[in-house]
Amino acid sequence: MANLKAWISAARLRTLPLSISGIIVGSSMFNNEIVNINISSEFKMGLGGELSLFLETSIFWLAIATTLGLQILSNFANDYGDGVKGTDNDDRVGPQRALQSGAITKNEMFRGIVITSIITLLLAIYLIYVSFGQAYFFYSIFFLLLGIAAIIAAIKYTMGNTAYGYKGLGDVFVFIFFGLVSVVGCYFLFTKHLNCLVFLPAITIGLLSSAVLNLNNLRDHDSDKKVGKNTLVVKLGIHNAKKYHYFLLLGAMSSMMIFLLFTYQNYDDLLFLVAFIPLFIHFFKVIKTKNTKDLDPELKKVALSTFLLAILFSLGQIL
């Protein structure tokens, strides 16, 4: 087995804060309902205060662990898929991947993918059990299928002959699983009901997550095009892909402003606006950048800005 440092590198730790942003947002909206005593009476029924708090905390941390598992699985699978296909080569910009460098062999990475898939599935099953118990059978089945679909999506991004990342569909799956499913799904795990307003911050997180992927694909446009990896950027071309990027950023911020319009109560609700500052700086940086390979540092900036937005939004919901 390759050394620990190689596996930590393959896990791509810088991607993890972005992946849990949706969980933080969904959980904070549940907390806001607790404060306003709007939570479903079924959730409270038969639960003492301490036990209720334990369940709420367990759901949050299990959701975090499951999401981290999915992100790490996706990173391993991406490393494996692009490495086997030869997409990760000397033309690629950014840090060298594990298979590309030889730090982890193909067989070792495949085993890592299998083990991570099993761990993530077990975490998802335990999360579903803690949230729904035996009282919500159909919800449990639905979320189990959703969890399996998320694991398959994480693997099939670059692996196999039908890898959807090579067909320009990566943005769609990122928006769905790291935006809608992450925020709305986490909120539902707590509340057992839906609130239409939850979809607005979910759209924001989804669009910003897609923006990070779009930056990655803008950076890798030339090398991806050479090897036939037809990402959305390759299909659109750099000029249109940059326009698409502006749409993602402005759409994300607009969705949060619409949410604010419907929910504003006090100044605490405005905290998340601070995260708009680095996003606007990034917006103009993309406009000015001619060589898309120079956008590599912007991936971390947008990912951390999204995480900052999630934290500040949550504080606004809690305070």
C-alpha atoms as a PDB file:
ATOM      1  CA  MET A   1       0.000   0.000   0.000  1.00  0.00           C
ATOM      2  CA  ALA A   2       1.306   3.437  -0.897  1.00  0.00           C
ATOM      3  CA  ASN A   3       2.362   5.678   1.941  1.00  0.00           C
ATOM      4  CA  LEU A   4      -0.124   7.750   3.902  1.00  0.00           C
ATOM      5  CA  LYS A   5       1.076  11.027   2.419  1.00  0.00           C
ATOM      6  CA  ALA A   6       0.182   9.849  -1.091  1.00  0.00           C
ATOM      7  CA  TRP A   7      -3.339   8.868  -0.022  1.00  0.00           C
ATOM      8  CA  ILE A   8      -3.879  12.194   1.750  1.00  0.00           C
ATOM      9  CA  SER A   9      -2.766  13.953  -1.414  1.00  0.00           C
ATOM     10  CA  ALA A  10      -5.128  11.798  -3.511  1.00  0.00           C
ATOM     11  CA  ALA A  11      -8.009  12.696  -1.167  1.00  0.00           C
ATOM     12  CA  ARG A  12      -7.489  16.363  -2.190  1.00  0.00           C
ATOM     13  CA  LEU A  13      -8.168  17.951   1.184  1.00  0.00           C
ATOM     14  CA  ARG A  14      -8.709  21.379  -0.342  1.00  0.00           C
ATOM     15  CA  THR A  15     -11.953  20.123  -1.908  1.00  0.00           C
ATOM     16  CA  LEU A  16     -13.491  19.010   1.400  1.00  0.00           C
ATOM     17  CA  PRO A  17     -14.705  22.368   2.831  1.00  0.00           C
ATOM     18  CA  LEU A  18     -16.742  22.977  -0.331  1.00  0.00           C
ATOM     19  CA  SER A  19     -18.337  19.520  -0.129  1.00  0.00           C
ATOM     20  CA  ILE A  20     -19.743  20.067   3.381  1.00  0.00           C
ATOM     21  CA  SER A  21     -21.061  23.580   2.707  1.00  0.00           C
ATOM     22  CA  GLY A  22     -24.492  22.229   1.769  1.00  0.00           C
ATOM     23  CA  ILE A  23     -24.730  20.189   4.978  1.00  0.00           C
ATOM     24  CA  ILE A  24     -23.944  23.268   7.056  1.00  0.00           C
ATOM     25  CA  VAL A  25     -26.589  25.324   5.245  1.00  0.00           C
ATOM     26  CA  GLY A  26     -29.302  22.647   5.446  1.00  0.00           C
ATOM     27  CA  SER A  27     -28.631  22.019   9.140  1.00  0.00           C
ATOM     28  CA  SER A  28     -28.719  25.713  10.013  1.00  0.00           C
ATOM     29  CA  MET A  29     -32.119  26.124   8.380  1.00  0.00           C
ATOM     30  CA  PHE A  30     -33.395  23.281  10.541  1.00  0.00           C
ATOM     31  CA  ASN A  31     -31.945  25.042  13.591  1.00  0.00           C
ATOM     32  CA  ASN A  32     -33.831  28.196  12.599  1.00  0.00           C
ATOM     33  CA  GLU A  33     -37.077  26.217  12.600  1.00  0.00           C
ATOM     34  CA  ILE A  34     -36.283  24.904  16.093  1.00  0.00           C
ATOM     35  CA  VAL A  35     -35.834  28.466  17.310  1.00  0.00           C
ATOM     36  CA  ASN A  36     -39.145  29.502  15.782  1.00  0.00           C
ATOM     37  CA  ILE A  37     -40.877  26.360  17.144  1.00  0.00           C
ATOM     38  CA  ASN A  38     -42.015  25.305  13.696  1.00  0.00           C
ATOM     39  CA  ILE A  39     -40.484  21.859  13.778  1.00  0.00           C
ATOM     40  CA  SER A  40     -42.781  18.912  13.143  1.00  0.00           C
ATOM     41  CA  SER A  41     -44.408  17.612  16.324  1.00  0.00           C
ATOM     42  CA  GLU A  42     -43.747  14.059  15.077  1.00  0.00           C
ATOM     43  CA  PHE A  43     -40.018  14.678  15.392  1.00  0.00           C
ATOM     44  CA  LYS A  44     -40.362  15.715  19.024  1.00  0.00           C
ATOM     45  CA  MET A  45     -42.877  13.053  19.988  1.00  0.00           C
ATOM     46  CA  GLY A  46     -41.561  10.730  22.666  1.00  0.00           C
ATOM     47  CA  LEU A  47     -38.146  12.363  22.806  1.00  0.00           C
ATOM     48  CA  GLY A  48     -36.686  13.994  25.886  1.00  0.00           C
ATOM     49  CA  GLY A  49     -34.615  17.145  25.519  1.00  0.00           C
ATOM     50  CA  GLU A  50     -31.233  15.447  25.877  1.00  0.00           C
ATOM     51  CA  LEU A  51     -32.103  12.583  23.533  1.00  0.00           C
ATOM     52  CA  SER A  52     -33.498  14.998  20.954  1.00  0.00           C
ATOM     53  CA  LEU A  53     -30.288  17.019  21.050  1.00  0.00           C
ATOM     54  CA  PHE A  54     -28.217  13.840  20.669  1.00  0.00           C
ATOM     55  CA  LEU A  55     -30.179  12.799  17.581  1.00  0.00           C
ATOM     56  CA  GLU A  56     -29.891  16.225  16.027  1.00  0.00           C
ATOM     57  CA  THR A  57     -26.132  16.277  16.587  1.00  0.00           C
ATOM     58  CA  SER A  58     -25.747  12.705  15.309  1.00  0.00           C
ATOM     59  CA  ILE A  59     -27.601  13.495  12.107  1.00  0.00           C
ATOM     60  CA  PHE A  60     -25.373  16.498  11.471  1.00  0.00           C
ATOM     61  CA  TRP A  61     -22.072  14.709  12.020  1.00  0.00           C
ATOM     62  CA  LEU A  62     -23.139  11.593  10.157  1.00  0.00           C
ATOM     63  CA  ALA A  63     -24.234  13.772   7.238  1.00  0.00           C
ATOM     64  CA  ILE A  64     -20.834  15.491   7.326  1.00  0.00           C
ATOM     65  CA  ALA A  65     -19.015  12.135   7.412  1.00  0.00           C
ATOM     66  CA  THR A  66     -21.112  10.710   4.556  1.00  0.00           C
ATOM     67  CA  THR A  67     -20.536  13.781   2.401  1.00  0.00           C
ATOM     68  CA  LEU A  68     -16.803  13.704   3.062  1.00  0.00           C
ATOM     69  CA  GLY A  69     -16.825  10.041   2.081  1.00  0.00           C
ATOM     70  CA  LEU A  70     -18.560  10.872  -1.196  1.00  0.00           C
ATOM     71  CA  GLN A  71     -16.115  13.678  -1.966  1.00  0.00           C
ATOM     72  CA  ILE A  72     -13.052  11.559  -1.223  1.00  0.00           C
ATOM     73  CA  LEU A  73     -14.549   8.706  -3.259  1.00  0.00           C
ATOM     74  CA  SER A  74     -15.110  11.112  -6.141  1.00  0.00           C
ATOM     75  CA  ASN A  75     -11.509  12.324  -5.900  1.00  0.00           C
ATOM     76  CA  PHE A  76     -10.126   8.766  -5.887  1.00  0.00           C
ATOM     77  CA  ALA A  77     -12.341   7.777  -8.822  1.00  0.00           C
ATOM     78  CA  ASN A  78     -11.378  10.920 -10.732  1.00  0.00           C
ATOM     79  CA  ASP A  79      -7.703  10.173 -10.164  1.00  0.00           C
ATOM     80  CA  TYR A  80      -8.212   6.571 -11.313  1.00  0.00           C
ATOM     81  CA  GLY A  81     -10.403   7.365 -14.327  1.00  0.00           C
ATOM     82  CA  ASP A  82      -8.261  10.177 -15.703  1.00  0.00           C
ATOM     83  CA  GLY A  83      -5.088   8.248 -14.909  1.00  0.00           C
ATOM     84  CA  VAL A  84      -6.180   5.093 -16.741  1.00  0.00           C
ATOM     85  CA  LYS A  85      -7.466   7.060 -19.730  1.00  0.00           C
ATOM     86  CA  GLY A  86      -4.249   9.085 -19.947  1.00  0.00           C
ATOM     87  CA  THR A  87      -6.048  12.395 -19.361  1.00  0.00           C
ATOM     88  CA  ASP A  88      -3.635  13.240 -16.542  1.00  0.00           C
ATOM     89  CA  ASN A  89      -0.427  13.804 -18.481  1.00  0.00           C
ATOM     90  CA  ASP A  90       2.418  16.308 -18.768  1.00  0.00           C
ATOM     91  CA  ASP A  91       0.102  18.849 -20.444  1.00  0.00           C
ATOM     92  CA  ARG A  92      -2.104  19.048 -17.374  1.00  0.00           C
ATOM     93  CA  VAL A  93      -1.941  22.162 -15.157  1.00  0.00           C
ATOM     94  CA  GLY A  94      -2.140  21.872 -11.374  1.00  0.00           C
ATOM     95  CA  PRO A  95      -0.833  19.335  -8.863  1.00  0.00           C
ATOM     96  CA  GLN A  96       0.251  15.962 -10.208  1.00  0.00           C
ATOM     97  CA  ARG A  97      -2.222  13.167  -9.475  1.00  0.00           C
ATOM     98  CA  ALA A  98      -1.416   9.941  -7.631  1.00  0.00           C
ATOM     99  CA  LEU A  99      -1.648   7.542 -10.599  1.00  0.00           C
ATOM    100  CA  GLN A 100       0.055  10.018 -12.879  1.00  0.00           C
ATOM    101  CA  SER A 101       3.047  10.316 -10.529  1.00  0.00           C
ATOM    102  CA  GLY A 102       3.158   6.599  -9.694  1.00  0.00           C
ATOM    103  CA  ALA A 103       2.734   7.290  -5.956  1.00  0.00           C
ATOM    104  CA  ILE A 104      -0.276   4.937  -5.975  1.00  0.00           C
ATOM    105  CA  THR A 105      -0.671   2.044  -8.406  1.00  0.00           C
ATOM    106  CA  LYS A 106      -3.804   1.382 -10.437  1.00  0.00           C
ATOM    107  CA  ASN A 107      -4.688  -1.710  -8.372  1.00  0.00           C
ATOM    108  CA  GLU A 108      -4.126   0.119  -5.074  1.00  0.00           C
ATOM    109  CA  MET A 109      -6.349   3.000  -6.154  1.00  0.00           C
ATOM    110  CA  PHE A 110      -9.069   0.607  -7.283  1.00  0.00           C
ATOM    111  CA  ARG A 111      -9.019  -1.079  -3.875  1.00  0.00           C
ATOM    112  CA  GLY A 112      -9.144   2.339  -2.265  1.00  0.00           C
ATOM    113  CA  ILE A 113     -12.256   3.155  -4.296  1.00  0.00           C
ATOM    114  CA  VAL A 114     -13.952  -0.093  -3.257  1.00  0.00           C
ATOM    115  CA  ILE A 115     -13.129   0.401   0.435  1.00  0.00           C
ATOM    116  CA  THR A 116     -14.221   4.067   0.397  1.00  0.00           C
ATOM    117  CA  SER A 117     -17.479   3.098  -1.357  1.00  0.00           C
ATOM    118  CA  ILE A 118     -18.284   0.520   1.322  1.00  0.00           C
ATOM    119  CA  ILE A 119     -17.463   2.889   4.195  1.00  0.00           C
ATOM    120  CA  THR A 120     -19.531   5.677   2.639  1.00  0.00           C
ATOM    121  CA  LEU A 121     -22.501   3.361   2.066  1.00  0.00           C
ATOM    122  CA  LEU A 122     -22.353   2.139   5.682  1.00  0.00           C
ATOM    123  CA  LEU A 123     -22.238   5.739   6.908  1.00  0.00           C
ATOM    124  CA  ALA A 124     -25.244   6.581   4.720  1.00  0.00           C
ATOM    125  CA  ILE A 125     -27.219   3.610   6.044  1.00  0.00           C
ATOM    126  CA  TYR A 126     -26.470   4.554   9.653  1.00  0.00           C
ATOM    127  CA  LEU A 127     -27.418   8.178   8.928  1.00  0.00           C
ATOM    128  CA  ILE A 128     -30.741   7.034   7.470  1.00  0.00           C
ATOM    129  CA  TYR A 129     -31.407   4.794  10.483  1.00  0.00           C
ATOM    130  CA  VAL A 130     -30.617   7.561  12.997  1.00  0.00           C
ATOM    131  CA  SER A 131     -32.824  10.017  11.118  1.00  0.00           C
ATOM    132  CA  PHE A 132     -35.838   7.862  10.253  1.00  0.00           C
ATOM    133  CA  GLY A 133     -35.607   4.832  12.538  1.00  0.00           C
ATOM    134  CA  GLN A 134     -38.418   2.372  11.813  1.00  0.00           C
ATOM    135  CA  ALA A 135     -41.172   4.973  11.618  1.00  0.00           C
ATOM    136  CA  TYR A 136     -40.487   6.284   8.095  1.00  0.00           C
ATOM    137  CA  PHE A 137     -39.935   3.201   5.932  1.00  0.00           C
ATOM    138  CA  PHE A 138     -40.533   4.826   2.537  1.00  0.00           C
ATOM    139  CA  TYR A 139     -38.327   7.791   3.407  1.00  0.00           C
ATOM    140  CA  SER A 140     -35.597   5.331   4.388  1.00  0.00           C
ATOM    141  CA  ILE A 141     -35.866   3.472   1.077  1.00  0.00           C
ATOM    142  CA  PHE A 142     -35.843   6.708  -0.908  1.00  0.00           C
ATOM    143  CA  PHE A 143     -32.738   8.041   0.855  1.00  0.00           C
ATOM    144  CA  LEU A 144     -30.996   4.677   0.546  1.00  0.00           C
ATOM    145  CA  LEU A 145     -31.544   4.757  -3.213  1.00  0.00           C
ATOM    146  CA  LEU A 146     -30.398   8.382  -3.230  1.00  0.00           C
ATOM    147  CA  GLY A 147     -27.239   7.401  -1.350  1.00  0.00           C
ATOM    148  CA  ILE A 148     -26.494   4.571  -3.778  1.00  0.00           C
ATOM    149  CA  ALA A 149     -27.076   6.947  -6.701  1.00  0.00           C
ATOM    150  CA  ALA A 150     -24.648   9.450  -5.158  1.00  0.00           C
ATOM    151  CA  ILE A 151     -21.964   6.765  -4.807  1.00  0.00           C
ATOM    152  CA  ILE A 152     -22.462   5.650  -8.412  1.00  0.00           C
ATOM    153  CA  ALA A 153     -22.339   9.282  -9.577  1.00  0.00           C
ATOM    154  CA  ALA A 154     -19.100   9.847  -7.662  1.00  0.00           C
ATOM    155  CA  ILE A 155     -17.508   6.835  -9.343  1.00  0.00           C
ATOM    156  CA  LYS A 156     -18.871   7.298 -12.871  1.00  0.00           C
ATOM    157  CA  TYR A 157     -17.668  10.892 -13.284  1.00  0.00           C
ATOM    158  CA  THR A 158     -14.484   9.731 -15.003  1.00  0.00           C
ATOM    159  CA  MET A 159     -14.443   5.933 -14.646  1.00  0.00           C
ATOM    160  CA  GLY A 160     -15.591   3.555 -17.366  1.00  0.00           C
ATOM    161  CA  ASN A 161     -16.582   3.930 -21.010  1.00  0.00           C
ATOM    162  CA  THR A 162     -19.773   5.800 -20.067  1.00  0.00           C
ATOM    163  CA  ALA A 163     -18.095   8.367 -17.784  1.00  0.00           C
ATOM    164  CA  TYR A 164     -20.436  11.367 -17.801  1.00  0.00           C
ATOM    165  CA  GLY A 165     -17.606  13.800 -17.050  1.00  0.00           C
ATOM    166  CA  TYR A 166     -16.322  13.067 -20.560  1.00  0.00           C
ATOM    167  CA  LYS A 167     -19.703  14.005 -22.034  1.00  0.00           C
ATOM    168  CA  GLY A 168     -20.094  17.458 -20.507  1.00  0.00           C
ATOM    169  CA  LEU A 169     -22.553  16.370 -17.813  1.00  0.00           C
ATOM    170  CA  GLY A 170     -20.351  16.872 -14.746  1.00  0.00           C
ATOM    171  CA  ASP A 171     -21.886  20.268 -13.949  1.00  0.00           C
ATOM    172  CA  VAL A 172     -25.388  18.800 -13.834  1.00  0.00           C
ATOM    173  CA  PHE A 173     -24.441  16.086 -11.346  1.00  0.00           C
ATOM    174  CA  VAL A 174     -22.435  18.497  -9.170  1.00  0.00           C
ATOM    175  CA  PHE A 175     -25.385  20.897  -9.028  1.00  0.00           C
ATOM    176  CA  ILE A 176     -27.809  18.120  -8.104  1.00  0.00           C
ATOM    177  CA  PHE A 177     -25.762  16.223  -5.518  1.00  0.00           C
ATOM    178  CA  PHE A 178     -23.639  18.970  -3.932  1.00  0.00           C
ATOM    179  CA  GLY A 179     -26.407  21.570  -4.120  1.00  0.00           C
ATOM    180  CA  LEU A 180     -29.969  20.291  -4.075  1.00  0.00           C
ATOM    181  CA  VAL A 181     -29.414  16.895  -2.455  1.00  0.00           C
ATOM    182  CA  SER A 182     -26.887  18.198   0.056  1.00  0.00           C
ATOM    183  CA  VAL A 183     -28.928  21.158   1.342  1.00  0.00           C
ATOM    184  CA  VAL A 184     -32.508  19.988   0.842  1.00  0.00           C
ATOM    185  CA  GLY A 185     -31.689  16.385   1.720  1.00  0.00           C
ATOM    186  CA  CYS A 186     -29.964  17.341   4.979  1.00  0.00           C
ATOM    187  CA  TYR A 187     -32.832  19.646   5.911  1.00  0.00           C
ATOM    188  CA  PHE A 188     -35.322  16.819   5.267  1.00  0.00           C
ATOM    189  CA  LEU A 189     -33.317  14.357   7.354  1.00  0.00           C
ATOM    190  CA  PHE A 190     -33.902  16.650  10.311  1.00  0.00           C
ATOM    191  CA  THR A 191     -37.440  17.885   9.699  1.00  0.00           C
ATOM    192  CA  LYS A 192     -39.196  15.127   7.710  1.00  0.00           C
ATOM    193  CA  HIS A 193     -40.832  17.819   5.578  1.00  0.00           C
ATOM    194  CA  LEU A 194     -39.948  20.255   2.788  1.00  0.00           C
ATOM    195  CA  ASN A 195     -39.876  24.036   2.726  1.00  0.00           C
ATOM    196  CA  CYS A 196     -39.769  25.693  -0.687  1.00  0.00           C
ATOM    197  CA  LEU A 197     -37.439  28.399   0.610  1.00  0.00           C
ATOM    198  CA  VAL A 198     -34.745  25.783   1.294  1.00  0.00           C
ATOM    199  CA  PHE A 199     -34.294  25.374  -2.454  1.00  0.00           C
ATOM    200  CA  LEU A 200     -32.953  28.925  -2.821  1.00  0.00           C
ATOM    201  CA  PRO A 201     -29.743  28.472  -0.758  1.00  0.00           C
ATOM    202  CA  ALA A 202     -29.526  24.952  -2.223  1.00  0.00           C
ATOM    203  CA  ILE A 203     -29.409  26.491  -5.695  1.00  0.00           C
ATOM    204  CA  THR A 204     -26.700  28.878  -4.498  1.00  0.00           C
ATOM    205  CA  ILE A 205     -24.460  26.102  -3.171  1.00  0.00           C
ATOM    206  CA  GLY A 206     -25.114  24.027  -6.292  1.00  0.00           C
ATOM    207  CA  LEU A 207     -24.208  26.854  -8.670  1.00  0.00           C
ATOM    208  CA  LEU A 208     -21.048  27.756  -6.754  1.00  0.00           C
ATOM    209  CA  SER A 209     -19.984  24.098  -6.664  1.00  0.00           C
ATOM    210  CA  SER A 210     -20.523  23.962 -10.430  1.00  0.00           C
ATOM    211  CA  ALA A 211     -18.456  27.154 -10.722  1.00  0.00           C
ATOM    212  CA  VAL A 212     -15.513  25.395  -9.052  1.00  0.00           C
ATOM    213  CA  LEU A 213     -15.817  22.511 -11.525  1.00  0.00           C
ATOM    214  CA  ASN A 214     -16.097  24.962 -14.412  1.00  0.00           C
ATOM    215  CA  LEU A 215     -12.890  26.678 -13.277  1.00  0.00           C
ATOM    216  CA  ASN A 216     -11.165  23.301 -13.166  1.00  0.00           C
ATOM    217  CA  ASN A 217     -12.348  22.571 -16.706  1.00  0.00           C
ATOM    218  CA  LEU A 218     -11.376  26.037 -17.946  1.00  0.00           C
ATOM    219  CA  ARG A 219      -7.885  25.493 -16.579  1.00  0.00           C
ATOM    220  CA  ASP A 220      -7.648  22.052 -18.242  1.00  0.00           C
ATOM    221  CA  HIS A 221      -9.343  23.027 -21.510  1.00  0.00           C
ATOM    222  CA  ASP A 222      -6.339  22.452 -23.769  1.00  0.00           C
ATOM    223  CA  SER A 223      -5.238  19.131 -22.261  1.00  0.00           C
ATOM    224  CA  ASP A 224      -8.839  17.840 -22.037  1.00  0.00           C
ATOM    225  CA  LYS A 225      -9.499  18.692 -25.663  1.00  0.00           C
ATOM    226  CA  LYS A 226      -6.362  16.838 -26.776  1.00  0.00           C
ATOM    227  CA  VAL A 227      -7.398  13.589 -25.113  1.00  0.00           C
ATOM    228  CA  GLY A 228     -11.093  13.778 -26.024  1.00  0.00           C
ATOM    229  CA  LYS A 229     -12.460  14.670 -22.601  1.00  0.00           C
ATOM    230  CA  ASN A 230     -15.470  16.650 -23.777  1.00  0.00           C
ATOM    231  CA  THR A 231     -16.248  18.689 -20.692  1.00  0.00           C
ATOM    232  CA  LEU A 232     -18.830  21.443 -20.937  1.00  0.00           C
ATOM    233  CA  VAL A 233     -15.973  23.927 -21.391  1.00  0.00           C
ATOM    234  CA  VAL A 234     -14.617  21.943 -24.358  1.00  0.00           C
ATOM    235  CA  LYS A 235     -18.105  21.832 -25.874  1.00  0.00           C
ATOM    236  CA  LEU A 236     -18.834  25.523 -25.311  1.00  0.00           C
ATOM    237  CA  GLY A 237     -15.394  26.907 -26.025  1.00  0.00           C
ATOM    238  CA  ILE A 238     -13.490  29.170 -23.644  1.00  0.00           C
ATOM    239  CA  HIS A 239     -15.364  32.372 -24.541  1.00  0.00           C
ATOM    240  CA  ASN A 240     -18.822  30.910 -23.900  1.00  0.00           C
ATOM    241  CA  ALA A 241     -17.590  28.916 -20.902  1.00  0.00           C
ATOM    242  CA  LYS A 242     -16.505  32.164 -19.261  1.00  0.00           C
ATOM    243  CA  LYS A 243     -19.975  33.607 -19.901  1.00  0.00           C
ATOM    244  CA  TYR A 244     -21.424  30.479 -18.339  1.00  0.00           C
ATOM    245  CA  HIS A 245     -19.153  31.060 -15.349  1.00  0.00           C
ATOM    246  CA  TYR A 246     -20.503  34.581 -14.894  1.00  0.00           C
ATOM    247  CA  PHE A 247     -24.024  33.127 -14.960  1.00  0.00           C
ATOM    248  CA  LEU A 248     -23.112  30.627 -12.234  1.00  0.00           C
ATOM    249  CA  LEU A 249     -21.690  33.326  -9.959  1.00  0.00           C
ATOM    250  CA  LEU A 250     -24.447  35.881 -10.516  1.00  0.00           C
ATOM    251  CA  GLY A 251     -27.146  33.207 -10.346  1.00  0.00           C
ATOM    252  CA  ALA A 252     -25.790  31.969  -7.006  1.00  0.00           C
ATOM    253  CA  MET A 253     -25.741  35.450  -5.498  1.00  0.00           C
ATOM    254  CA  SER A 254     -29.167  36.310  -6.920  1.00  0.00           C
ATOM    255  CA  SER A 255     -30.703  33.192  -5.400  1.00  0.00           C
ATOM    256  CA  MET A 256     -29.404  34.192  -1.965  1.00  0.00           C
ATOM    257  CA  MET A 257     -30.764  37.705  -2.397  1.00  0.00           C
ATOM    258  CA  ILE A 258     -34.206  36.319  -3.251  1.00  0.00           C
ATOM    259  CA  PHE A 259     -34.018  34.157  -0.122  1.00  0.00           C
ATOM    260  CA  LEU A 260     -33.114  37.246   1.895  1.00  0.00           C
ATOM    261  CA  LEU A 261     -36.071  39.111   0.417  1.00  0.00           C
ATOM    262  CA  PHE A 262     -38.471  36.475   1.731  1.00  0.00           C
ATOM    263  CA  THR A 263     -36.851  35.793   5.107  1.00  0.00           C
ATOM    264  CA  TYR A 264     -35.129  38.976   6.354  1.00  0.00           C
ATOM    265  CA  GLN A 265     -35.762  39.674  10.051  1.00  0.00           C
ATOM    266  CA  ASN A 266     -32.675  41.440  11.421  1.00  0.00           C
ATOM    267  CA  TYR A 267     -29.103  42.444  10.630  1.00  0.00           C
ATOM    268  CA  ASP A 268     -27.770  38.967  11.421  1.00  0.00           C
ATOM    269  CA  ASP A 269     -29.424  37.742   8.232  1.00  0.00           C
ATOM    270  CA  LEU A 270     -27.048  39.942   6.214  1.00  0.00           C
ATOM    271  CA  LEU A 271     -23.857  38.262   7.414  1.00  0.00           C
ATOM    272  CA  PHE A 272     -23.498  36.054   4.338  1.00  0.00           C
ATOM    273  CA  LEU A 273     -23.144  39.146   2.142  1.00  0.00           C
ATOM    274  CA  VAL A 274     -19.525  39.403   3.318  1.00  0.00           C
ATOM    275  CA  ALA A 275     -18.796  36.271   1.231  1.00  0.00           C
ATOM    276  CA  PHE A 276     -19.932  38.152  -1.880  1.00  0.00           C
ATOM    277  CA  ILE A 277     -16.794  40.328  -1.681  1.00  0.00           C
ATOM    278  CA  PRO A 278     -14.271  37.608  -2.652  1.00  0.00           C
ATOM    279  CA  LEU A 279     -16.769  36.264  -5.194  1.00  0.00           C
ATOM    280  CA  PHE A 280     -16.977  39.664  -6.931  1.00  0.00           C
ATOM    281  CA  ILE A 281     -13.176  39.964  -6.844  1.00  0.00           C
ATOM    282  CA  HIS A 282     -13.009  36.530  -8.462  1.00  0.00           C
ATOM    283  CA  PHE A 283     -15.650  37.559 -11.027  1.00  0.00           C
ATOM    284  CA  PHE A 284     -13.468  40.404 -12.315  1.00  0.00           C
ATOM    285  CA  LYS A 285     -10.346  38.250 -12.132  1.00  0.00           C
ATOM    286  CA  VAL A 286     -11.925  35.791 -14.580  1.00  0.00           C
ATOM    287  CA  ILE A 287     -12.890  38.659 -16.900  1.00  0.00           C
ATOM    288  CA  LYS A 288      -9.307  39.942 -16.977  1.00  0.00           C
ATOM    289  CA  THR A 289      -7.600  36.541 -17.295  1.00  0.00           C
ATOM    290  CA  LYS A 290      -6.696  35.696 -20.877  1.00  0.00           C
ATOM    291  CA  ASN A 291      -4.788  32.462 -20.299  1.00  0.00           C
ATOM    292  CA  THR A 292      -7.184  30.070 -18.565  1.00  0.00           C
ATOM    293  CA  LYS A 293      -4.262  28.094 -17.113  1.00  0.00           C
ATOM    294  CA  ASP A 294      -3.735  31.073 -14.791  1.00  0.00           C
ATOM    295  CA  LEU A 295      -7.120  30.367 -13.177  1.00  0.00           C
ATOM    296  CA  ASP A 296      -5.766  27.468 -11.102  1.00  0.00           C
ATOM    297  CA  PRO A 297      -5.444  29.548  -7.863  1.00  0.00           C
ATOM    298  CA  GLU A 298      -9.050  30.680  -8.279  1.00  0.00           C
ATOM    299  CA  LEU A 299     -10.401  27.174  -7.585  1.00  0.00           C
ATOM    300  CA  LYS A 300      -9.370  27.385  -3.944  1.00  0.00           C
ATOM    301  CA  LYS A 301     -10.698  30.955  -3.658  1.00  0.00           C
ATOM    302  CA  VAL A 302     -14.184  30.092  -4.910  1.00  0.00           C
ATOM    303  CA  ALA A 303     -14.318  26.889  -2.849  1.00  0.00           C
ATOM    304  CA  LEU A 304     -13.344  28.738   0.343  1.00  0.00           C
ATOM    305  CA  SER A 305     -15.699  31.624  -0.488  1.00  0.00           C
ATOM    306  CA  THR A 306     -18.540  29.120  -0.756  1.00  0.00           C
ATOM    307  CA  PHE A 307     -17.554  27.611   2.596  1.00  0.00           C
ATOM    308  CA  LEU A 308     -17.392  31.116   4.098  1.00  0.00           C
ATOM    309  CA  LEU A 309     -20.851  31.879   2.723  1.00  0.00           C
ATOM    310  CA  ALA A 310     -22.196  28.678   4.306  1.00  0.00           C
ATOM    311  CA  ILE A 311     -20.663  29.524   7.695  1.00  0.00           C
ATOM    312  CA  LEU A 312     -21.893  33.134   7.690  1.00  0.00           C
ATOM    313  CA  PHE A 313     -25.334  32.115   6.455  1.00  0.00           C
ATOM    314  CA  SER A 314     -25.529  29.554   9.253  1.00  0.00           C
ATOM    315  CA  LEU A 315     -24.533  32.114  11.858  1.00  0.00           C
ATOM    316  CA  GLY A 316     -27.285  34.377  10.553  1.00  0.00           C
ATOM    317  CA  GLN A 317     -29.793  31.554  10.933  1.00  0.00           C
ATOM    318  CA  ILE A 318     -28.624  30.606  14.418  1.00  0.00           C
ATOM    319  CA  LEU A 319     -28.119  34.031  16.013  1.00  0.00           C
END
